[in-house]
Amino acid sequence: MRDGVFYSEGGEALVYRVVPSTAFGFSKGEFSQTRWLFERD
């Protein structure tokens, strides 16, 4: 990090923070799914 910006060999990189509200998970084979809910501040 330099001057508040992330750098790599390719140059400057934009970085964002993402706060999840819901995540979904699925299984292979048998039908299955689940959901996780995240509390917000």
N, C-alpha and C. Protein backbone atom coordinates (compact mmCIF):
# COMPACT_ATOMS: atom_id res chain seq x y z
N MET A 1 0.85 -1.16 0.00
CA MET A 1 0.00 0.00 0.00
C MET A 1 0.90 1.23 0.00
N ARG A 2 0.54 2.18 -0.85
CA ARG A 2 1.33 3.40 -0.99
C ARG A 2 0.38 4.55 -1.23
N ASP A 3 0.46 5.58 -0.44
CA ASP A 3 -0.40 6.76 -0.57
C ASP A 3 -1.89 6.41 -0.56
N GLY A 4 -2.26 5.41 0.27
CA GLY A 4 -3.67 5.02 0.38
C GLY A 4 -4.18 4.17 -0.76
N VAL A 5 -3.29 3.67 -1.64
CA VAL A 5 -3.70 2.86 -2.80
C VAL A 5 -2.89 1.57 -2.80
N PHE A 6 -3.53 0.44 -3.14
CA PHE A 6 -2.82 -0.83 -3.26
C PHE A 6 -2.07 -0.87 -4.59
N TYR A 7 -0.84 -1.36 -4.55
CA TYR A 7 -0.01 -1.48 -5.75
C TYR A 7 0.44 -2.92 -5.91
N SER A 8 0.65 -3.34 -7.15
CA SER A 8 1.25 -4.63 -7.46
C SER A 8 2.16 -4.44 -8.66
N GLU A 9 2.73 -5.52 -9.17
CA GLU A 9 3.61 -5.41 -10.33
C GLU A 9 2.87 -4.82 -11.53
N GLY A 10 1.57 -5.07 -11.62
CA GLY A 10 0.77 -4.56 -12.72
C GLY A 10 0.35 -3.11 -12.56
N GLY A 11 0.62 -2.52 -11.41
CA GLY A 11 0.25 -1.13 -11.17
C GLY A 11 -0.72 -0.97 -10.03
N GLU A 12 -1.52 0.06 -10.10
CA GLU A 12 -2.48 0.41 -9.06
C GLU A 12 -3.67 -0.55 -9.07
N ALA A 13 -4.20 -0.89 -7.89
CA ALA A 13 -5.35 -1.78 -7.79
C ALA A 13 -6.45 -1.13 -6.96
N LEU A 14 -7.67 -1.15 -7.46
CA LEU A 14 -8.81 -0.66 -6.69
C LEU A 14 -9.30 -1.77 -5.77
N VAL A 15 -9.57 -1.44 -4.52
CA VAL A 15 -10.02 -2.43 -3.54
C VAL A 15 -11.28 -1.90 -2.89
N TYR A 16 -12.29 -2.76 -2.79
CA TYR A 16 -13.57 -2.38 -2.20
C TYR A 16 -13.89 -3.30 -1.02
N ARG A 17 -14.61 -2.78 -0.07
CA ARG A 17 -15.10 -3.58 1.05
C ARG A 17 -16.56 -3.91 0.76
N VAL A 18 -16.90 -5.20 0.85
CA VAL A 18 -18.27 -5.65 0.60
C VAL A 18 -18.77 -6.33 1.87
N VAL A 19 -19.90 -5.87 2.40
CA VAL A 19 -20.49 -6.44 3.60
C VAL A 19 -21.67 -7.32 3.17
N PRO A 20 -21.59 -8.64 3.42
CA PRO A 20 -22.67 -9.53 2.99
C PRO A 20 -23.92 -9.36 3.85
N SER A 21 -25.08 -9.59 3.26
CA SER A 21 -26.33 -9.61 4.02
C SER A 21 -26.88 -11.03 4.05
N THR A 22 -26.71 -11.78 2.96
CA THR A 22 -27.19 -13.16 2.86
C THR A 22 -26.20 -13.97 2.04
N ALA A 23 -25.94 -15.21 2.46
CA ALA A 23 -25.10 -16.12 1.68
C ALA A 23 -25.88 -17.42 1.49
N PHE A 24 -25.73 -18.03 0.34
CA PHE A 24 -26.41 -19.29 0.04
C PHE A 24 -25.38 -20.38 -0.19
N GLY A 25 -25.65 -21.59 0.31
CA GLY A 25 -24.78 -22.74 0.10
C GLY A 25 -25.58 -23.88 -0.51
N PHE A 26 -24.96 -24.60 -1.45
CA PHE A 26 -25.63 -25.69 -2.15
C PHE A 26 -24.76 -26.93 -2.10
N SER A 27 -25.39 -28.08 -2.15
CA SER A 27 -24.71 -29.37 -2.12
C SER A 27 -24.78 -30.01 -3.49
N LYS A 28 -23.81 -30.84 -3.82
CA LYS A 28 -23.86 -31.60 -5.07
C LYS A 28 -24.53 -32.95 -4.79
N GLY A 29 -25.15 -33.51 -5.80
CA GLY A 29 -25.78 -34.82 -5.62
C GLY A 29 -27.19 -34.67 -5.09
N GLU A 30 -27.36 -34.99 -3.82
CA GLU A 30 -28.68 -34.86 -3.20
C GLU A 30 -29.10 -33.40 -3.18
N PHE A 31 -30.39 -33.16 -3.31
CA PHE A 31 -30.88 -31.78 -3.28
C PHE A 31 -30.71 -31.22 -1.87
N SER A 32 -29.97 -30.17 -1.76
CA SER A 32 -29.72 -29.56 -0.46
C SER A 32 -29.31 -28.10 -0.66
N GLN A 33 -29.78 -27.26 0.20
CA GLN A 33 -29.33 -25.87 0.20
C GLN A 33 -29.53 -25.30 1.59
N THR A 34 -28.78 -24.27 1.90
CA THR A 34 -28.93 -23.59 3.18
C THR A 34 -28.66 -22.10 2.97
N ARG A 35 -29.00 -21.32 3.95
CA ARG A 35 -28.86 -19.87 3.84
C ARG A 35 -28.34 -19.33 5.17
N TRP A 36 -27.43 -18.38 5.09
CA TRP A 36 -26.92 -17.70 6.27
C TRP A 36 -27.29 -16.23 6.17
N LEU A 37 -27.81 -15.68 7.26
CA LEU A 37 -28.15 -14.25 7.32
C LEU A 37 -27.16 -13.56 8.25
N PHE A 38 -26.64 -12.42 7.83
CA PHE A 38 -25.66 -11.68 8.61
C PHE A 38 -26.31 -10.41 9.15
N GLU A 39 -26.03 -10.11 10.40
CA GLU A 39 -26.56 -8.89 11.00
C GLU A 39 -25.73 -7.70 10.55
N ARG A 40 -26.39 -6.59 10.33
CA ARG A 40 -25.69 -5.36 9.96
C ARG A 40 -25.53 -4.49 11.19
N ASP A 41 -24.46 -3.73 11.21
CA ASP A 41 -24.20 -2.83 12.34
C ASP A 41 -25.11 -1.64 12.28
